[in-house]
Amino acid sequence: MTPPRSMHDTSATKLDASNLRIGIAVSRYHGEVTAALLKGATQSFRDVGGRDEAIETFDVPGTWELTAICRAMAMLESGEGRPTFDAIVALGCILTGETTHDQYIAQSVTQGLTAITIETGTPIAFGVLTCQTIEQARARAGLAARPGAHGGTANKGVEAMQAAIAAALAVRRIRERDRSVR
């Protein structure tokens, strides 16, 4: 498989979400921004064959709470003893304030989501914006006058969903290979 040409480019890899189940945890703090991230993520899932009934969204009060909700989602098991979700997308928005509070939240959430991924084996895509201004956040959510002007896609929700799908497919291939070796 050819690696993507850049950090934001997944066109070199064929994404197919038709057999995946994805969970999304979305912070409602900075709701205009996170709603746009959610819209981008869900449309991205559909664009690569994902079915509406294979995606489940959980509202979260703020970005801080993403860790607890994502862990609960990752621990859910289907009737077959497998994880309910092939991957999870965490969406939130943290803005720099007058104190260092934003840095503590961003670092804790990042470390928490990483720990959950390691603990459970369920990929969690990081769709949390860490911006200095609401204007920057709006641009990263595709709400700016010039979408994509920051150098990436116009919506971080799209990027996070693409990463979740790619990771879920990779984990599935690894697990299938492991079963075939035994």
N, C-alpha and C. Protein backbone atom coordinates (compact mmCIF):
# COMPACT_ATOMS: atom_id res chain seq x y z
N MET A 1 0.84 -1.17 0.00
CA MET A 1 0.00 0.00 0.00
C MET A 1 0.89 1.23 0.00
N THR A 2 0.56 2.17 -0.87
CA THR A 2 1.31 3.41 -0.97
C THR A 2 0.90 4.35 0.15
N PRO A 3 1.86 4.95 0.86
CA PRO A 3 1.48 5.88 1.92
C PRO A 3 0.90 7.16 1.33
N PRO A 4 0.04 7.85 2.07
CA PRO A 4 -0.48 9.12 1.59
C PRO A 4 0.64 10.10 1.30
N ARG A 5 0.41 11.01 0.33
CA ARG A 5 1.42 11.97 -0.07
C ARG A 5 1.70 13.03 0.98
N SER A 6 0.73 13.35 1.81
CA SER A 6 0.95 14.32 2.88
C SER A 6 0.10 13.94 4.07
N MET A 7 0.28 14.66 5.17
CA MET A 7 -0.46 14.36 6.38
C MET A 7 -1.97 14.45 6.16
N HIS A 8 -2.41 15.32 5.28
CA HIS A 8 -3.84 15.54 5.09
C HIS A 8 -4.39 14.80 3.88
N ASP A 9 -3.58 14.09 3.15
CA ASP A 9 -4.00 13.47 1.90
C ASP A 9 -4.22 11.97 2.09
N THR A 10 -5.46 11.55 1.96
CA THR A 10 -5.76 10.12 2.04
C THR A 10 -6.14 9.56 0.68
N SER A 11 -5.99 10.36 -0.38
CA SER A 11 -6.42 9.91 -1.70
C SER A 11 -5.59 8.73 -2.21
N ALA A 12 -4.38 8.56 -1.70
CA ALA A 12 -3.55 7.45 -2.15
C ALA A 12 -4.04 6.12 -1.59
N THR A 13 -4.89 6.18 -0.59
CA THR A 13 -5.45 4.98 0.02
C THR A 13 -6.93 4.94 -0.26
N LYS A 14 -7.42 3.78 -0.64
CA LYS A 14 -8.85 3.61 -0.93
C LYS A 14 -9.57 3.33 0.37
N LEU A 15 -10.38 4.28 0.80
CA LEU A 15 -11.15 4.09 2.02
C LEU A 15 -12.51 3.50 1.66
N ASP A 16 -12.92 2.50 2.42
CA ASP A 16 -14.23 1.87 2.22
C ASP A 16 -14.83 1.62 3.60
N ALA A 17 -15.85 2.39 3.93
CA ALA A 17 -16.47 2.29 5.26
C ALA A 17 -17.73 1.44 5.25
N SER A 18 -17.98 0.74 4.16
CA SER A 18 -19.25 0.02 4.01
C SER A 18 -19.47 -1.05 5.07
N ASN A 19 -18.42 -1.60 5.64
CA ASN A 19 -18.57 -2.64 6.66
C ASN A 19 -18.06 -2.20 8.02
N LEU A 20 -18.01 -0.91 8.24
CA LEU A 20 -17.51 -0.40 9.52
C LEU A 20 -18.64 0.21 10.34
N ARG A 21 -18.43 0.16 11.65
CA ARG A 21 -19.33 0.83 12.60
C ARG A 21 -18.47 1.83 13.35
N ILE A 22 -18.85 3.11 13.28
CA ILE A 22 -18.06 4.18 13.86
C ILE A 22 -18.88 4.92 14.91
N GLY A 23 -18.25 5.21 16.04
CA GLY A 23 -18.86 6.04 17.07
C GLY A 23 -18.24 7.43 17.03
N ILE A 24 -19.05 8.42 17.28
CA ILE A 24 -18.55 9.80 17.35
C ILE A 24 -18.95 10.40 18.69
N ALA A 25 -17.98 10.95 19.39
CA ALA A 25 -18.23 11.72 20.61
C ALA A 25 -17.97 13.18 20.26
N VAL A 26 -18.99 14.02 20.43
CA VAL A 26 -18.85 15.42 20.02
C VAL A 26 -19.18 16.35 21.18
N SER A 27 -18.22 17.21 21.49
CA SER A 27 -18.40 18.22 22.53
C SER A 27 -19.39 19.27 22.02
N ARG A 28 -20.24 19.72 22.92
CA ARG A 28 -21.21 20.76 22.55
C ARG A 28 -20.71 22.16 22.96
N TYR A 29 -19.55 22.22 23.59
CA TYR A 29 -18.95 23.51 23.92
C TYR A 29 -18.39 24.09 22.63
N HIS A 30 -18.63 25.33 22.34
CA HIS A 30 -18.33 25.95 21.03
C HIS A 30 -19.15 25.22 19.96
N GLY A 31 -20.45 25.13 20.22
CA GLY A 31 -21.38 24.32 19.44
C GLY A 31 -21.42 24.60 17.95
N GLU A 32 -21.28 25.85 17.54
CA GLU A 32 -21.28 26.14 16.10
C GLU A 32 -20.12 25.41 15.41
N VAL A 33 -18.97 25.45 16.05
CA VAL A 33 -17.77 24.82 15.48
C VAL A 33 -17.89 23.30 15.51
N THR A 34 -18.28 22.74 16.65
CA THR A 34 -18.33 21.28 16.75
C THR A 34 -19.46 20.69 15.90
N ALA A 35 -20.54 21.43 15.72
CA ALA A 35 -21.61 20.95 14.83
C ALA A 35 -21.09 20.86 13.39
N ALA A 36 -20.27 21.82 12.99
CA ALA A 36 -19.69 21.77 11.64
C ALA A 36 -18.70 20.61 11.52
N LEU A 37 -17.93 20.36 12.57
CA LEU A 37 -17.01 19.21 12.56
C LEU A 37 -17.80 17.91 12.42
N LEU A 38 -18.90 17.79 13.17
CA LEU A 38 -19.73 16.61 13.11
C LEU A 38 -20.33 16.43 11.71
N LYS A 39 -20.81 17.50 11.13
CA LYS A 39 -21.38 17.43 9.78
C LYS A 39 -20.33 16.94 8.78
N GLY A 40 -19.12 17.48 8.88
CA GLY A 40 -18.04 17.05 7.98
C GLY A 40 -17.68 15.59 8.18
N ALA A 41 -17.61 15.16 9.43
CA ALA A 41 -17.26 13.77 9.73
C ALA A 41 -18.31 12.80 9.20
N THR A 42 -19.57 13.08 9.45
CA THR A 42 -20.62 12.16 9.02
C THR A 42 -20.73 12.12 7.49
N GLN A 43 -20.57 13.27 6.84
CA GLN A 43 -20.61 13.28 5.38
C GLN A 43 -19.42 12.51 4.80
N SER A 44 -18.27 12.66 5.41
CA SER A 44 -17.08 11.93 4.97
C SER A 44 -17.29 10.42 5.07
N PHE A 45 -17.95 9.99 6.15
CA PHE A 45 -18.26 8.56 6.34
C PHE A 45 -19.17 8.07 5.22
N ARG A 46 -20.21 8.85 4.92
CA ARG A 46 -21.13 8.48 3.83
C ARG A 46 -20.42 8.46 2.47
N ASP A 47 -19.51 9.40 2.27
CA ASP A 47 -18.82 9.53 0.98
C ASP A 47 -18.00 8.29 0.62
N VAL A 48 -17.62 7.52 1.62
CA VAL A 48 -16.82 6.31 1.34
C VAL A 48 -17.61 5.04 1.67
N GLY A 49 -18.91 5.12 1.52
CA GLY A 49 -19.76 3.93 1.62
C GLY A 49 -20.34 3.63 2.97
N GLY A 50 -20.09 4.48 3.97
CA GLY A 50 -20.65 4.25 5.30
C GLY A 50 -22.16 4.45 5.31
N ARG A 51 -22.84 3.60 6.06
CA ARG A 51 -24.30 3.69 6.15
C ARG A 51 -24.69 4.49 7.39
N ASP A 52 -25.77 5.25 7.28
CA ASP A 52 -26.22 6.07 8.41
C ASP A 52 -26.45 5.25 9.67
N GLU A 53 -26.97 4.04 9.52
CA GLU A 53 -27.25 3.22 10.70
C GLU A 53 -25.98 2.63 11.32
N ALA A 54 -24.84 2.80 10.67
CA ALA A 54 -23.57 2.27 11.18
C ALA A 54 -22.75 3.34 11.88
N ILE A 55 -23.38 4.47 12.14
CA ILE A 55 -22.69 5.55 12.85
C ILE A 55 -23.56 5.96 14.02
N GLU A 56 -22.94 6.13 15.18
CA GLU A 56 -23.69 6.53 16.36
C GLU A 56 -22.97 7.70 17.02
N THR A 57 -23.73 8.74 17.33
CA THR A 57 -23.18 9.97 17.88
C THR A 57 -23.60 10.15 19.33
N PHE A 58 -22.64 10.55 20.15
CA PHE A 58 -22.89 10.81 21.56
C PHE A 58 -22.50 12.25 21.86
N ASP A 59 -23.44 13.02 22.40
CA ASP A 59 -23.16 14.39 22.81
C ASP A 59 -22.41 14.40 24.13
N VAL A 60 -21.45 15.29 24.21
CA VAL A 60 -20.59 15.42 25.39
C VAL A 60 -20.63 16.89 25.80
N PRO A 61 -20.71 17.19 27.10
CA PRO A 61 -20.81 18.60 27.51
C PRO A 61 -19.65 19.46 27.03
N GLY A 62 -18.42 18.97 27.17
CA GLY A 62 -17.25 19.74 26.77
C GLY A 62 -16.13 18.81 26.36
N THR A 63 -15.04 19.39 25.90
CA THR A 63 -13.91 18.59 25.43
C THR A 63 -13.31 17.76 26.56
N TRP A 64 -13.27 18.30 27.78
CA TRP A 64 -12.73 17.57 28.93
C TRP A 64 -13.41 16.21 29.08
N GLU A 65 -14.72 16.16 28.86
CA GLU A 65 -15.49 14.92 29.06
C GLU A 65 -15.33 13.91 27.93
N LEU A 66 -14.67 14.27 26.85
CA LEU A 66 -14.48 13.33 25.73
C LEU A 66 -13.80 12.04 26.19
N THR A 67 -12.84 12.16 27.10
CA THR A 67 -12.10 10.98 27.54
C THR A 67 -13.02 9.94 28.17
N ALA A 68 -13.86 10.36 29.09
CA ALA A 68 -14.76 9.41 29.76
C ALA A 68 -15.75 8.79 28.79
N ILE A 69 -16.31 9.60 27.91
CA ILE A 69 -17.31 9.10 26.96
C ILE A 69 -16.65 8.17 25.94
N CYS A 70 -15.49 8.53 25.44
CA CYS A 70 -14.80 7.67 24.46
C CYS A 70 -14.40 6.34 25.10
N ARG A 71 -14.00 6.35 26.35
CA ARG A 71 -13.66 5.09 27.02
C ARG A 71 -14.89 4.20 27.15
N ALA A 72 -16.02 4.79 27.55
CA ALA A 72 -17.25 4.01 27.66
C ALA A 72 -17.63 3.43 26.29
N MET A 73 -17.47 4.21 25.24
CA MET A 73 -17.77 3.74 23.89
C MET A 73 -16.84 2.59 23.49
N ALA A 74 -15.56 2.75 23.79
CA ALA A 74 -14.57 1.74 23.41
C ALA A 74 -14.78 0.43 24.18
N MET A 75 -15.37 0.51 25.36
CA MET A 75 -15.59 -0.69 26.18
C MET A 75 -16.87 -1.44 25.81
N LEU A 76 -17.75 -0.80 25.04
CA LEU A 76 -18.99 -1.46 24.62
C LEU A 76 -18.68 -2.68 23.77
N GLU A 77 -19.37 -3.76 24.02
CA GLU A 77 -19.18 -4.96 23.21
C GLU A 77 -20.46 -5.30 22.49
N SER A 78 -20.32 -5.82 21.28
CA SER A 78 -21.48 -6.29 20.52
C SER A 78 -21.86 -7.67 21.06
N GLY A 79 -22.91 -8.22 20.53
CA GLY A 79 -23.37 -9.55 20.96
C GLY A 79 -22.37 -10.65 20.68
N GLU A 80 -21.43 -10.41 19.76
CA GLU A 80 -20.43 -11.44 19.41
C GLU A 80 -19.16 -11.33 20.24
N GLY A 81 -19.17 -10.49 21.26
CA GLY A 81 -17.98 -10.34 22.10
C GLY A 81 -16.92 -9.44 21.48
N ARG A 82 -17.24 -8.80 20.37
CA ARG A 82 -16.32 -7.86 19.71
C ARG A 82 -16.69 -6.45 20.13
N PRO A 83 -15.76 -5.51 19.96
CA PRO A 83 -16.12 -4.11 20.24
C PRO A 83 -17.29 -3.66 19.36
N THR A 84 -18.15 -2.84 19.91
CA THR A 84 -19.28 -2.32 19.15
C THR A 84 -18.81 -1.44 18.00
N PHE A 85 -17.78 -0.64 18.26
CA PHE A 85 -17.29 0.30 17.24
C PHE A 85 -15.92 -0.14 16.71
N ASP A 86 -15.76 -0.06 15.40
CA ASP A 86 -14.46 -0.33 14.78
C ASP A 86 -13.49 0.81 15.06
N ALA A 87 -14.02 2.00 15.22
CA ALA A 87 -13.21 3.18 15.55
C ALA A 87 -14.13 4.23 16.15
N ILE A 88 -13.51 5.20 16.79
CA ILE A 88 -14.23 6.30 17.42
C ILE A 88 -13.59 7.61 16.95
N VAL A 89 -14.43 8.60 16.75
CA VAL A 89 -13.96 9.94 16.39
C VAL A 89 -14.31 10.87 17.55
N ALA A 90 -13.31 11.54 18.10
CA ALA A 90 -13.51 12.50 19.18
C ALA A 90 -13.45 13.91 18.59
N LEU A 91 -14.53 14.67 18.74
CA LEU A 91 -14.61 16.02 18.17
C LEU A 91 -14.80 17.05 19.28
N GLY A 92 -13.98 18.08 19.27
CA GLY A 92 -14.09 19.13 20.26
C GLY A 92 -13.36 20.38 19.80
N CYS A 93 -13.42 21.41 20.64
CA CYS A 93 -12.78 22.68 20.32
C CYS A 93 -12.29 23.33 21.61
N ILE A 94 -10.99 23.59 21.65
CA ILE A 94 -10.37 24.26 22.79
C ILE A 94 -9.75 25.55 22.28
N LEU A 95 -10.12 26.66 22.92
CA LEU A 95 -9.55 27.95 22.53
C LEU A 95 -8.64 28.47 23.62
N THR A 96 -7.56 29.12 23.20
CA THR A 96 -6.64 29.74 24.13
C THR A 96 -7.36 30.85 24.87
N GLY A 97 -7.17 30.89 26.16
CA GLY A 97 -7.80 31.94 26.96
C GLY A 97 -6.75 32.83 27.59
N GLU A 98 -7.13 33.48 28.66
CA GLU A 98 -6.23 34.39 29.36
C GLU A 98 -5.31 33.66 30.32
N THR A 99 -5.56 32.38 30.56
CA THR A 99 -4.72 31.57 31.45
C THR A 99 -4.20 30.37 30.65
N THR A 100 -3.53 29.46 31.33
CA THR A 100 -3.01 28.25 30.67
C THR A 100 -4.00 27.08 30.77
N HIS A 101 -5.22 27.35 31.19
CA HIS A 101 -6.25 26.31 31.35
C HIS A 101 -6.40 25.46 30.09
N ASP A 102 -6.39 26.11 28.93
CA ASP A 102 -6.56 25.39 27.66
C ASP A 102 -5.45 24.36 27.44
N GLN A 103 -4.25 24.67 27.85
CA GLN A 103 -3.12 23.75 27.69
C GLN A 103 -3.30 22.50 28.53
N TYR A 104 -3.80 22.67 29.75
CA TYR A 104 -4.02 21.52 30.62
C TYR A 104 -5.12 20.62 30.06
N ILE A 105 -6.18 21.22 29.56
CA ILE A 105 -7.27 20.43 28.97
C ILE A 105 -6.77 19.68 27.74
N ALA A 106 -6.10 20.39 26.83
CA ALA A 106 -5.63 19.76 25.60
C ALA A 106 -4.68 18.61 25.89
N GLN A 107 -3.73 18.82 26.78
CA GLN A 107 -2.77 17.77 27.10
C GLN A 107 -3.45 16.57 27.76
N SER A 108 -4.34 16.82 28.70
CA SER A 108 -5.02 15.72 29.39
C SER A 108 -5.91 14.92 28.45
N VAL A 109 -6.64 15.60 27.59
CA VAL A 109 -7.52 14.90 26.65
C VAL A 109 -6.69 14.09 25.66
N THR A 110 -5.62 14.67 25.16
CA THR A 110 -4.75 13.95 24.23
C THR A 110 -4.18 12.69 24.88
N GLN A 111 -3.65 12.82 26.07
CA GLN A 111 -3.08 11.67 26.77
C GLN A 111 -4.15 10.64 27.12
N GLY A 112 -5.32 11.12 27.52
CA GLY A 112 -6.41 10.21 27.88
C GLY A 112 -6.89 9.40 26.69
N LEU A 113 -7.09 10.05 25.55
CA LEU A 113 -7.55 9.32 24.37
C LEU A 113 -6.49 8.34 23.88
N THR A 114 -5.24 8.73 23.98
CA THR A 114 -4.15 7.81 23.62
C THR A 114 -4.16 6.58 24.52
N ALA A 115 -4.32 6.79 25.81
CA ALA A 115 -4.34 5.68 26.77
C ALA A 115 -5.51 4.73 26.50
N ILE A 116 -6.66 5.28 26.15
CA ILE A 116 -7.83 4.44 25.85
C ILE A 116 -7.57 3.59 24.61
N THR A 117 -6.99 4.19 23.60
CA THR A 117 -6.66 3.45 22.38
C THR A 117 -5.72 2.30 22.69
N ILE A 118 -4.71 2.57 23.49
CA ILE A 118 -3.75 1.52 23.86
C ILE A 118 -4.43 0.44 24.70
N GLU A 119 -5.24 0.85 25.66
CA GLU A 119 -5.92 -0.09 26.57
C GLU A 119 -6.90 -1.00 25.83
N THR A 120 -7.66 -0.44 24.91
CA THR A 120 -8.76 -1.19 24.30
C THR A 120 -8.45 -1.72 22.90
N GLY A 121 -7.49 -1.14 22.22
CA GLY A 121 -7.21 -1.52 20.84
C GLY A 121 -8.17 -0.89 19.84
N THR A 122 -9.09 -0.06 20.31
CA THR A 122 -10.02 0.63 19.42
C THR A 122 -9.40 1.97 19.02
N PRO A 123 -9.20 2.21 17.73
CA PRO A 123 -8.62 3.49 17.31
C PRO A 123 -9.56 4.65 17.65
N ILE A 124 -8.98 5.72 18.18
CA ILE A 124 -9.72 6.95 18.45
C ILE A 124 -9.05 8.06 17.66
N ALA A 125 -9.77 8.63 16.71
CA ALA A 125 -9.24 9.72 15.90
C ALA A 125 -9.41 11.03 16.65
N PHE A 126 -8.38 11.84 16.63
CA PHE A 126 -8.34 13.10 17.37
C PHE A 126 -8.84 14.24 16.49
N GLY A 127 -10.10 14.59 16.66
CA GLY A 127 -10.70 15.69 15.92
C GLY A 127 -10.95 16.87 16.83
N VAL A 128 -10.01 17.14 17.71
CA VAL A 128 -10.14 18.24 18.65
C VAL A 128 -9.32 19.41 18.13
N LEU A 129 -9.99 20.52 17.91
CA LEU A 129 -9.29 21.72 17.48
C LEU A 129 -8.65 22.38 18.70
N THR A 130 -7.42 22.84 18.54
CA THR A 130 -6.74 23.58 19.58
C THR A 130 -6.29 24.89 18.93
N CYS A 131 -7.11 25.89 19.02
CA CYS A 131 -6.90 27.15 18.30
C CYS A 131 -6.74 28.31 19.27
N GLN A 132 -6.16 29.37 18.75
CA GLN A 132 -5.99 30.57 19.56
C GLN A 132 -7.20 31.48 19.50
N THR A 133 -7.96 31.43 18.41
CA THR A 133 -9.12 32.31 18.27
C THR A 133 -10.31 31.52 17.71
N ILE A 134 -11.48 32.08 17.91
CA ILE A 134 -12.68 31.46 17.36
C ILE A 134 -12.65 31.52 15.84
N GLU A 135 -12.02 32.53 15.28
CA GLU A 135 -11.91 32.63 13.83
C GLU A 135 -11.08 31.47 13.27
N GLN A 136 -10.00 31.13 13.95
CA GLN A 136 -9.19 29.98 13.53
C GLN A 136 -10.00 28.70 13.63
N ALA A 137 -10.76 28.55 14.70
CA ALA A 137 -11.58 27.35 14.89
C ALA A 137 -12.65 27.26 13.79
N ARG A 138 -13.27 28.38 13.49
CA ARG A 138 -14.28 28.40 12.43
C ARG A 138 -13.65 27.98 11.10
N ALA A 139 -12.45 28.46 10.82
CA ALA A 139 -11.77 28.08 9.57
C ALA A 139 -11.49 26.58 9.53
N ARG A 140 -11.04 26.00 10.64
CA ARG A 140 -10.72 24.57 10.70
C ARG A 140 -11.97 23.69 10.66
N ALA A 141 -13.13 24.32 10.91
CA ALA A 141 -14.39 23.58 10.86
C ALA A 141 -15.11 23.79 9.52
N GLY A 142 -14.46 24.51 8.60
CA GLY A 142 -15.07 24.73 7.29
C GLY A 142 -16.07 25.85 7.27
N LEU A 143 -16.06 26.71 8.28
CA LEU A 143 -17.03 27.80 8.35
C LEU A 143 -16.46 29.14 7.89
N ALA A 144 -15.18 29.16 7.49
CA ALA A 144 -14.53 30.41 7.10
C ALA A 144 -14.88 30.77 5.66
N ALA A 145 -14.64 32.01 5.32
CA ALA A 145 -14.89 32.48 3.96
C ALA A 145 -14.00 31.77 2.95
N ARG A 146 -12.78 31.43 3.38
CA ARG A 146 -11.84 30.75 2.48
C ARG A 146 -11.50 29.38 3.07
N PRO A 147 -12.39 28.38 2.92
CA PRO A 147 -12.10 27.06 3.47
C PRO A 147 -10.80 26.50 2.91
N GLY A 148 -10.05 25.87 3.76
CA GLY A 148 -8.81 25.22 3.33
C GLY A 148 -7.62 26.16 3.29
N ALA A 149 -7.81 27.43 3.62
CA ALA A 149 -6.73 28.40 3.55
C ALA A 149 -5.59 28.10 4.52
N HIS A 150 -5.86 27.31 5.53
CA HIS A 150 -4.84 26.99 6.55
C HIS A 150 -3.89 25.90 6.09
N GLY A 151 -4.09 25.32 4.92
CA GLY A 151 -3.17 24.33 4.40
C GLY A 151 -3.68 22.91 4.44
N GLY A 152 -4.76 22.63 5.14
CA GLY A 152 -5.32 21.28 5.19
C GLY A 152 -6.68 21.26 4.53
N THR A 153 -7.48 20.28 4.88
CA THR A 153 -8.84 20.27 4.35
C THR A 153 -9.62 21.37 5.05
N ALA A 154 -10.78 21.66 4.53
CA ALA A 154 -11.60 22.73 5.08
C ALA A 154 -12.27 22.31 6.38
N ASN A 155 -12.18 21.06 6.78
CA ASN A 155 -12.91 20.61 7.95
C ASN A 155 -12.12 19.50 8.66
N LYS A 156 -11.72 19.77 9.89
CA LYS A 156 -10.97 18.79 10.69
C LYS A 156 -11.81 17.55 10.99
N GLY A 157 -13.14 17.68 11.00
CA GLY A 157 -14.01 16.53 11.18
C GLY A 157 -13.83 15.52 10.06
N VAL A 158 -13.65 16.02 8.84
CA VAL A 158 -13.40 15.15 7.68
C VAL A 158 -12.08 14.41 7.89
N GLU A 159 -11.05 15.15 8.25
CA GLU A 159 -9.73 14.53 8.47
C GLU A 159 -9.79 13.46 9.55
N ALA A 160 -10.47 13.76 10.65
CA ALA A 160 -10.56 12.81 11.75
C ALA A 160 -11.31 11.55 11.32
N MET A 161 -12.40 11.70 10.58
CA MET A 161 -13.15 10.53 10.12
C MET A 161 -12.30 9.70 9.16
N GLN A 162 -11.60 10.34 8.25
CA GLN A 162 -10.74 9.59 7.33
C GLN A 162 -9.66 8.82 8.09
N ALA A 163 -9.10 9.44 9.11
CA ALA A 163 -8.09 8.76 9.93
C ALA A 163 -8.71 7.58 10.67
N ALA A 164 -9.92 7.76 11.21
CA ALA A 164 -10.60 6.68 11.93
C ALA A 164 -10.87 5.50 11.01
N ILE A 165 -11.35 5.77 9.82
CA ILE A 165 -11.65 4.70 8.86
C ILE A 165 -10.37 3.97 8.48
N ALA A 166 -9.33 4.72 8.15
CA ALA A 166 -8.05 4.09 7.76
C ALA A 166 -7.50 3.24 8.90
N ALA A 167 -7.57 3.75 10.12
CA ALA A 167 -7.06 2.99 11.27
C ALA A 167 -7.91 1.74 11.51
N ALA A 168 -9.23 1.87 11.42
CA ALA A 168 -10.11 0.72 11.62
C ALA A 168 -9.83 -0.37 10.59
N LEU A 169 -9.63 0.02 9.36
CA LEU A 169 -9.33 -0.97 8.31
C LEU A 169 -7.98 -1.64 8.55
N ALA A 170 -7.01 -0.88 9.00
CA ALA A 170 -5.69 -1.45 9.29
C ALA A 170 -5.76 -2.44 10.46
N VAL A 171 -6.47 -2.05 11.52
CA VAL A 171 -6.62 -2.96 12.67
C VAL A 171 -7.35 -4.23 12.24
N ARG A 172 -8.37 -4.08 11.43
CA ARG A 172 -9.11 -5.26 10.94
C ARG A 172 -8.18 -6.20 10.15
N ARG A 173 -7.34 -5.64 9.27
CA ARG A 173 -6.41 -6.47 8.50
C ARG A 173 -5.43 -7.20 9.42
N ILE A 174 -4.95 -6.51 10.42
CA ILE A 174 -4.01 -7.13 11.36
C ILE A 174 -4.69 -8.26 12.12
N ARG A 175 -5.90 -8.02 12.60
CA ARG A 175 -6.62 -9.06 13.35
C ARG A 175 -6.95 -10.26 12.48
N GLU A 176 -7.32 -10.02 11.22
CA GLU A 176 -7.59 -11.13 10.30
C GLU A 176 -6.32 -11.92 10.02
N ARG A 177 -5.22 -11.24 9.85
CA ARG A 177 -3.94 -11.93 9.62
C ARG A 177 -3.58 -12.77 10.83
N ASP A 178 -3.78 -12.22 12.02
CA ASP A 178 -3.46 -12.94 13.26
C ASP A 178 -4.29 -14.23 13.34
N ARG A 179 -5.57 -14.15 12.99
CA ARG A 179 -6.42 -15.36 13.03
C ARG A 179 -5.98 -16.39 12.00
N SER A 180 -5.52 -15.94 10.85
CA SER A 180 -5.13 -16.88 9.79
C SER A 180 -3.81 -17.58 10.10
N VAL A 181 -2.97 -16.98 10.94
CA VAL A 181 -1.68 -17.56 11.29
C VAL A 181 -1.85 -18.68 12.31
N ARG A 182 -2.85 -18.57 13.15
CA ARG A 182 -3.05 -19.54 14.24
C ARG A 182 -3.49 -20.87 13.76
